[in-house]
Protein backbone atom coordinates (compact mmCIF):
# COMPACT_ATOMS: atom_id res chain seq x y z
CA UNK A 1 14.11 18.96 34.77
CA UNK A 2 12.83 15.77 35.12
CA UNK A 3 12.76 11.92 34.12
CA UNK A 4 10.23 10.69 31.72
CA UNK A 5 9.12 7.56 30.92
CA UNK A 6 7.53 6.36 27.56
CA UNK A 7 7.28 4.09 24.81
CA UNK A 8 9.45 5.15 21.35
CA UNK A 9 7.11 3.11 19.31
CA UNK A 10 3.77 2.56 20.77
CA UNK A 11 3.07 -0.82 21.35
CA UNK A 12 6.43 -2.01 21.23
CA UNK A 13 7.09 -2.97 24.73
CA UNK A 14 10.36 -1.39 25.01
CA UNK A 15 10.23 1.59 27.38
CA UNK A 16 13.08 4.97 27.80
CA UNK A 17 14.12 6.73 29.96
CA UNK A 18 14.11 10.36 28.64
CA UNK A 19 16.21 12.88 31.14
CA UNK A 20 16.30 16.41 31.06
CA UNK A 21 18.72 18.11 33.62
CA UNK A 22 20.64 21.56 33.65
CA UNK A 23 19.72 22.45 30.23
CA UNK A 24 21.48 18.75 29.07
CA UNK A 25 19.13 15.53 27.77
CA UNK A 26 19.94 11.92 27.24
CA UNK A 27 17.35 8.96 26.49
CA UNK A 28 18.28 5.37 27.29
CA UNK A 29 16.10 2.65 26.78
CA UNK A 30 15.67 0.46 29.64
CA UNK A 31 12.97 -2.71 28.32
CA UNK A 32 9.66 -3.19 30.41
CA UNK A 33 7.60 -0.72 31.85
CA UNK A 34 8.52 -1.52 35.32
CA UNK A 35 12.05 -1.86 34.84
CA UNK A 36 11.82 1.85 33.42
CA UNK A 37 9.61 3.00 36.52
CA UNK A 38 12.48 1.74 39.01
CA UNK A 39 15.18 3.43 37.22
CA UNK A 40 12.92 6.82 36.71
CA UNK A 41 13.05 6.30 40.89
CA UNK A 42 16.28 5.73 40.81
CA UNK A 43 18.07 8.73 38.56
CA UNK A 44 15.34 11.04 40.46
CA UNK A 45 16.86 10.16 43.85
CA UNK A 46 20.42 10.82 41.91
CA UNK A 47 19.36 14.34 40.89
CA UNK A 48 17.53 15.16 44.29
CA UNK A 49 20.86 14.46 46.01
CA UNK A 50 22.74 16.28 43.11
CA UNK A 51 24.58 12.50 42.47
CA UNK A 52 23.72 12.80 38.55
CA UNK A 53 26.47 14.71 36.51
CA UNK A 54 26.77 15.31 32.78
CA UNK A 55 29.98 16.57 32.87
CA UNK A 56 31.13 12.80 33.08
CA UNK A 57 31.65 11.33 29.62
CA UNK A 58 28.69 8.54 29.14
CA UNK A 59 29.69 5.08 28.29
CA UNK A 60 28.87 3.97 24.85
CA UNK A 61 27.29 1.31 24.30
CA UNK A 62 28.83 -1.52 22.21
CA UNK A 63 27.85 -2.26 18.76
CA UNK A 64 26.12 -5.36 19.75
CA UNK A 65 24.27 -3.98 22.64
CA UNK A 66 22.71 -1.23 20.79
CA UNK A 67 21.86 -3.28 17.80
CA UNK A 68 19.96 -5.69 20.58
CA UNK A 69 18.13 -2.79 21.78
CA UNK A 70 17.19 -1.35 18.00
CA UNK A 71 15.76 -5.19 17.43
CA UNK A 72 13.42 -4.73 20.28
CA UNK A 73 12.36 -1.18 19.24
CA UNK A 74 11.56 -2.30 15.90
CA UNK A 75 9.44 -5.37 16.72
CA UNK A 76 6.36 -3.80 16.65
CA UNK A 77 6.81 -2.64 12.63
CA UNK A 78 8.45 -5.55 11.33
CA UNK A 79 7.31 -8.88 10.38
CA UNK A 80 7.99 -11.57 12.31
CA UNK A 81 10.14 -12.75 8.84
CA UNK A 82 11.91 -9.65 8.42
CA UNK A 83 12.60 -9.79 12.03
CA UNK A 84 14.58 -13.47 11.70
CA UNK A 85 16.21 -12.02 8.52
CA UNK A 86 17.74 -9.06 10.48
CA UNK A 87 18.88 -11.18 13.49
CA UNK A 88 20.79 -14.02 10.73
CA UNK A 89 22.73 -11.26 9.31
CA UNK A 90 23.67 -9.50 12.93
CA UNK A 91 24.66 -12.41 14.16
CA UNK A 92 26.38 -14.78 11.76
CA UNK A 93 28.09 -11.61 9.77
CA UNK A 94 28.04 -8.48 11.49
CA UNK A 95 28.25 -9.16 15.24
CA UNK A 96 31.56 -11.33 15.03
CA UNK A 97 33.38 -8.05 13.41
CA UNK A 98 32.28 -5.20 15.16
CA UNK A 99 30.01 -6.15 17.92
CA UNK A 100 32.22 -5.64 21.05
CA UNK A 101 33.43 -2.08 19.47
CA UNK A 102 31.41 1.00 20.80
CA UNK A 103 29.00 2.19 18.85
CA UNK A 104 31.35 5.59 18.30
CA UNK A 105 33.78 3.60 17.19
CA UNK A 106 32.22 2.10 14.06
CA UNK A 107 33.01 4.19 11.50
CA UNK A 108 33.17 4.03 7.47
CA UNK A 109 36.08 2.10 7.30
CA UNK A 110 35.08 -0.72 9.64
CA UNK A 111 31.71 -0.71 8.05
CA UNK A 112 33.60 -1.15 4.55
CA UNK A 113 36.11 -4.13 5.78
CA UNK A 114 32.68 -5.83 6.84
CA UNK A 115 30.83 -5.50 3.47
CA UNK A 116 34.53 -6.60 1.87
CA UNK A 117 34.53 -9.70 4.33
CA UNK A 118 30.89 -10.60 3.27
CA UNK A 119 31.91 -9.75 -0.70
CA UNK A 120 34.63 -12.36 -0.29
CA UNK A 121 32.97 -14.79 0.91
CA UNK A 122 30.56 -15.16 -1.77
CA UNK A 123 27.72 -13.33 0.18
CA UNK A 124 24.54 -12.64 -2.80
CA UNK A 125 24.39 -9.11 -3.35
CA UNK A 126 21.03 -9.65 -1.86
CA UNK A 127 22.56 -10.59 1.39
CA UNK A 128 24.74 -7.62 0.93
CA UNK A 129 21.98 -5.25 0.36
CA UNK A 130 20.38 -6.23 3.95
CA UNK A 131 23.30 -6.23 5.91
CA UNK A 132 23.28 -2.42 4.12
CA UNK A 133 19.61 -1.66 5.68
CA UNK A 134 20.21 -3.36 9.05
CA UNK A 135 23.10 -1.19 9.80
CA UNK A 136 21.62 2.15 8.35
CA UNK A 137 18.68 1.63 10.30
CA UNK A 138 21.16 0.71 13.42
CA UNK A 139 23.21 3.56 12.81
CA UNK A 140 19.70 5.79 11.98
CA UNK A 141 18.75 5.80 14.91
CA UNK A 142 21.56 6.29 16.79
CA UNK A 143 21.54 9.79 14.93
CA UNK A 144 18.01 10.25 16.19
CA UNK A 145 18.91 9.90 19.59
CA UNK A 146 21.97 12.33 19.21
CA UNK A 147 24.28 9.44 20.24
CA UNK A 148 25.93 9.84 16.81
CA UNK A 149 26.57 12.79 14.51
CA UNK A 150 26.30 11.31 11.33
CA UNK A 151 25.29 7.56 9.92
CA UNK A 152 28.49 6.00 8.73
CA UNK A 153 26.54 3.67 6.91
CA UNK A 154 24.93 5.57 4.21
CA UNK A 155 26.36 5.17 0.55
CA UNK A 156 28.23 2.02 2.15
CA UNK A 157 27.50 -0.18 -1.00
CA UNK A 158 28.02 2.60 -3.70
CA UNK A 159 31.50 3.84 -2.31
CA UNK A 160 32.70 0.10 -2.68
CA UNK A 161 31.03 -0.24 -6.64
CA UNK A 162 28.26 -2.28 -5.07
CA UNK A 163 25.09 -0.88 -6.22
CA UNK A 164 21.62 -2.55 -5.81
CA UNK A 165 21.46 -4.92 -8.79
CA UNK A 166 18.85 -4.43 -11.31
CA UNK A 167 15.55 -5.58 -11.05
CA UNK A 168 14.34 -8.58 -12.46
CA UNK A 169 11.90 -8.45 -15.48
CA UNK A 170 8.66 -9.00 -14.13
CA UNK A 171 6.60 -12.37 -15.94
CA UNK A 172 3.76 -11.90 -17.09
CA UNK A 173 0.55 -13.38 -19.09
CA UNK A 174 -1.61 -12.61 -21.76
CA UNK A 175 -5.10 -12.09 -21.11
CA UNK A 176 -5.76 -15.57 -23.54
CA UNK A 177 -3.10 -16.91 -21.60
CA UNK A 178 -4.40 -16.24 -18.59
CA UNK A 179 -7.87 -17.71 -19.82
CA UNK A 180 -6.39 -20.61 -21.02
CA UNK A 181 -4.68 -21.28 -17.51
CA UNK A 182 -7.84 -20.96 -15.34
CA UNK A 183 -9.43 -22.94 -17.59
CA UNK A 184 -6.69 -25.95 -17.44
CA UNK A 185 -6.68 -25.35 -13.55
CA UNK A 186 -10.39 -25.75 -13.17
CA UNK A 187 -10.34 -29.05 -15.17
CA UNK A 188 -7.35 -30.74 -13.81
CA UNK A 189 -7.04 -28.99 -10.26
CA UNK A 190 -10.58 -27.75 -9.32
CA UNK A 191 -9.93 -26.81 -5.39
CA UNK A 192 -7.26 -24.38 -6.49
CA UNK A 193 -9.38 -22.87 -8.93
CA UNK A 194 -11.21 -20.10 -7.10
CA UNK A 195 -7.22 -19.12 -4.79
CA UNK A 196 -5.54 -18.52 -8.53
CA UNK A 197 -8.64 -17.02 -9.88
CA UNK A 198 -8.49 -14.17 -6.97
CA UNK A 199 -4.55 -13.98 -7.56
CA UNK A 200 -5.51 -12.91 -11.40
CA UNK A 201 -8.52 -10.70 -10.82
CA UNK A 202 -7.38 -8.53 -7.57
CA UNK A 203 -3.23 -8.33 -7.89
CA UNK A 204 -3.40 -9.49 -3.99
CA UNK A 205 -0.38 -11.38 -2.67
CA UNK A 206 -0.69 -14.86 -2.12
CA UNK A 207 -0.39 -14.41 1.70
CA UNK A 208 -3.38 -11.63 1.29
CA UNK A 209 -5.56 -14.04 -0.35
CA UNK A 210 -5.01 -17.14 2.15
CA UNK A 211 -5.99 -14.30 4.94
CA UNK A 212 -9.25 -13.58 3.57
CA UNK A 213 -11.82 -14.22 5.54
CA UNK A 214 -15.80 -14.24 4.65
CA UNK A 215 -16.29 -10.74 6.53
CA UNK A 216 -13.86 -8.90 4.40
CA UNK A 217 -16.15 -9.16 0.99
CA UNK A 218 -18.33 -6.77 0.17
CA UNK A 219 -20.96 -8.58 -1.80
CA UNK A 220 -23.02 -5.54 -1.97
CA UNK A 221 -20.45 -2.80 -4.15
CA UNK A 222 -17.93 -6.01 -5.26
CA UNK A 223 -14.78 -5.42 -3.35
CA UNK A 224 -12.56 -7.24 -1.00
CA UNK A 225 -11.11 -5.42 2.19
CA UNK A 226 -7.08 -6.73 2.40
CA UNK A 227 -6.15 -6.17 5.70
CA UNK A 228 -4.35 -9.16 6.59
CA UNK A 229 -1.48 -11.53 5.31
CA UNK A 230 -0.33 -15.16 6.20
CA UNK A 231 2.99 -16.25 6.09
CA UNK A 232 4.63 -19.54 7.80
CA UNK A 233 1.33 -19.75 9.58
CA UNK A 234 1.30 -16.64 11.17
CA UNK A 235 -1.27 -13.60 10.39
CA UNK A 236 0.08 -11.09 9.78
CA UNK A 237 -0.62 -7.13 9.23
CA UNK A 238 -0.42 -6.23 4.76
CA UNK A 239 2.87 -5.79 3.54
CA UNK A 240 2.89 -2.25 4.21
CA UNK A 241 1.14 -2.02 7.28
CA UNK A 242 -1.96 -0.82 5.59
CA UNK A 243 -5.18 -2.09 4.76
CA UNK A 244 -7.21 -1.61 1.14
CA UNK A 245 -10.60 -2.10 -0.68
CA UNK A 246 -9.75 -3.88 -4.30
CA UNK A 247 -12.46 -4.33 -6.50
CA UNK A 248 -13.75 -7.54 -7.44
CA UNK A 249 -14.59 -8.75 -10.83
CA UNK A 250 -17.74 -10.20 -11.46
CA UNK A 251 -16.51 -13.41 -12.34
CA UNK A 252 -14.61 -13.80 -9.12
CA UNK A 253 -17.87 -12.96 -7.29
CA UNK A 254 -19.77 -15.56 -8.55
CA UNK A 255 -16.75 -18.18 -8.28
CA UNK A 256 -16.64 -17.21 -4.26
CA UNK A 257 -20.70 -17.07 -3.93
CA UNK A 258 -20.79 -20.31 -5.23
CA UNK A 259 -17.56 -21.37 -3.08
CA UNK A 260 -19.11 -19.64 0.37
CA UNK A 261 -22.64 -22.04 -0.44
CA UNK A 262 -20.71 -24.91 -0.83
CA UNK A 263 -18.66 -24.41 2.47
CA UNK A 264 -21.99 -23.71 4.44
CA UNK A 265 -23.08 -26.96 2.52
CA UNK A 266 -20.19 -28.84 3.64
CA UNK A 267 -20.54 -27.17 7.40
CA UNK A 268 -24.01 -28.50 8.16
CA UNK A 269 -23.09 -31.88 6.97
CA UNK A 270 -20.04 -32.08 9.18
CA UNK A 271 -22.38 -30.96 11.69
CA UNK A 272 -20.31 -27.56 12.66
CA UNK A 273 -22.25 -25.20 15.39
CA UNK A 274 -19.98 -22.31 13.44
CA UNK A 275 -19.05 -21.18 9.79
CA UNK A 276 -15.25 -21.47 9.10
CA UNK A 277 -13.97 -17.98 8.90
CA UNK A 278 -11.49 -18.09 6.39
CA UNK A 279 -12.21 -17.90 2.84
CA UNK A 280 -9.41 -20.65 1.68
CA UNK A 281 -9.26 -23.45 4.23
CA UNK A 282 -8.66 -27.02 4.79
CA UNK A 283 -9.46 -28.64 8.10
CA UNK A 284 -10.37 -25.36 9.11
CA UNK A 285 -6.90 -23.72 8.66
CA UNK A 286 -5.93 -21.39 6.08
CA UNK A 287 -4.36 -23.45 3.00
CA UNK A 288 -0.19 -23.48 3.42
CA UNK A 289 1.16 -21.32 0.87
CA UNK A 290 3.51 -24.19 -0.27
CA UNK A 291 0.99 -26.80 -0.85
CA UNK A 292 -0.28 -24.42 -3.94
CA UNK A 293 3.10 -24.39 -5.91
CA UNK A 294 2.77 -28.33 -7.06
CA UNK A 295 -0.48 -27.19 -8.68
CA UNK A 296 0.48 -24.01 -10.38
CA UNK A 297 3.72 -25.35 -11.94
CA UNK A 298 1.41 -28.09 -13.19
CA UNK A 299 -0.83 -26.33 -14.76
CA UNK A 300 1.66 -24.02 -16.37
CA UNK A 301 3.48 -27.14 -17.82
CA UNK A 302 -0.43 -28.27 -18.99
CA UNK A 303 -1.05 -25.41 -20.47
CA UNK A 304 1.80 -25.05 -22.39
CA UNK A 305 3.42 -21.81 -20.42
CA UNK A 306 7.42 -21.84 -19.43
CA UNK A 307 7.99 -21.41 -15.48
CA UNK A 308 6.57 -18.13 -13.52
CA UNK A 309 6.14 -17.67 -10.03
CA UNK A 310 2.92 -17.52 -8.02
CA UNK A 311 3.93 -14.07 -7.50
CA UNK A 312 4.20 -13.67 -10.86
CA UNK A 313 0.00 -13.38 -11.21
CA UNK A 314 0.09 -10.00 -9.31
CA UNK A 315 2.59 -8.84 -12.05
CA UNK A 316 0.26 -10.17 -14.59
CA UNK A 317 -2.93 -8.18 -12.68
CA UNK A 318 -0.92 -5.17 -12.70
CA UNK A 319 0.47 -5.35 -16.50
CA UNK A 320 -3.39 -6.16 -18.14
CA UNK A 321 -4.60 -3.35 -16.20
CA UNK A 322 -1.93 -1.03 -17.79
CA UNK A 323 -2.39 -2.40 -21.26
CA UNK A 324 -5.78 -2.25 -21.42
CA UNK A 325 -5.59 1.88 -20.59
CA UNK A 326 -6.25 2.02 -16.46
CA UNK A 327 -4.17 4.73 -14.64
CA UNK A 328 -1.02 4.07 -12.88
CA UNK A 329 -3.21 5.50 -9.37
CA UNK A 330 -5.52 3.23 -9.95
CA UNK A 331 -3.03 0.03 -10.34
CA UNK A 332 -0.86 1.66 -7.39
CA UNK A 333 -4.03 1.72 -5.06
CA UNK A 334 -5.37 -1.49 -5.94
CA UNK A 335 -1.81 -3.35 -5.38
CA UNK A 336 -1.33 -1.46 -1.97
CA UNK A 337 1.98 0.06 -3.10
CA UNK A 338 2.96 2.84 -0.94
CA UNK A 339 3.90 5.48 -3.64
CA UNK A 340 2.81 5.43 -7.32
CA UNK A 341 6.80 5.82 -8.18
CA UNK A 342 6.78 2.51 -6.97
CA UNK A 343 4.47 1.20 -9.25
CA UNK A 344 6.08 3.07 -12.15
CA UNK A 345 9.03 1.76 -11.31
CA UNK A 346 7.78 -1.94 -11.30
CA UNK A 347 5.37 -1.23 -14.46
CA UNK A 348 5.97 1.52 -16.00
CA UNK A 349 7.14 0.13 -19.27
CA UNK A 350 3.81 -1.97 -19.74
CA UNK A 351 2.18 1.35 -20.05
CA UNK A 352 0.90 1.81 -23.22
CA UNK A 353 1.93 4.54 -25.96
CA UNK A 354 -1.93 5.23 -26.55
CA UNK A 355 -1.42 8.85 -26.83
CA UNK A 356 0.87 9.14 -30.10
CA UNK A 357 -2.46 11.33 -31.75
CA UNK A 358 -1.39 13.43 -29.34
CA UNK A 359 2.09 13.31 -30.34
CA UNK A 360 1.19 13.89 -34.30
CA UNK A 361 -0.89 16.93 -32.96
CA UNK A 362 2.17 18.88 -31.82
CA UNK A 363 3.25 18.34 -35.66
CA UNK A 364 0.04 19.36 -36.76
CA UNK A 365 -0.04 22.70 -34.64
CA UNK A 366 3.59 23.32 -35.45
CA UNK A 367 2.10 23.51 -39.20
CA UNK A 368 -0.75 25.51 -38.76
CA UNK A 369 1.29 27.54 -37.23
CA UNK A 370 3.76 27.87 -40.01
CA UNK A 371 1.40 28.48 -42.38
CA UNK A 372 -0.01 31.60 -39.98
CA UNK A 373 3.16 33.05 -40.51
CA UNK A 374 3.63 32.84 -44.04
CA UNK A 375 0.53 34.41 -44.63
């Protein structure tokens, strides 16, 4: 029997009450730790006076109340940009339709009506999938807290015939194309050349490249530690939340070494008391991602290539490694994918059929067996 106070997600700043009394348990989100401790004392007093009655029905939170609490709970595990997208979906499309309903009164029927209403308004499939993810996260959390027995959002898009759209084919360059791109870039946009070389030689996401610090480079072992990313001027963890090591090619090492020498010289000329930590910076701050789009497009145009996204440098890197016979496991580690299945799903079609001779050897084995049986 008792009342405990703790964070469900460590570091989230959202504190919960966990009550165990007469064989019954329940949990309640409170907020700041100070408020949770006050609520703990109040409940302990109610228990001591015998005024805590589990037999009385507990009020269910509304969908809006629970959704706001869920957003606060996941803050520590999501990027700010992701939280903004979640908030946008909730405020524009979900809360106006089902926000006032008690959480346990929102069933599959209500969710189908919400999704179909969004579809009729012309929202994209991507928005529908994002809405499904938000709903699934909210109701999944309620199931974990034993407020609900099942997640009504499970399979909602499938039941409506709105399955996920097929993945857009990746756009890549050949090794010769990459060489032509980089030569063109070095000639016309020399300041951006090291950034794009890093993209083609490491497969790092653009935000990860722009968040690189000199301390992340292991010159002795030719490796780069990737442990942060930058988006909209804010430094975050990597997309998966995990750091990783990527191999650094000899060419990239030489270019970055030359860049470091130049940065030191510029710092001395400017009379700076300490070195600027960012590898790619302007005026001491990381280069804004949007400022790279124009030189990237112009380099493509001058090199004679059709349009592709900056992110396709990452796809090109992976495709070239796989085409050269590197294992999907190695590519997965370099890219920082959460699982090898993700790597295979995206790039599996690029894995060369280098084992064709192994298939032919099966024919040889079958023929040898047939000859043996005939003797």
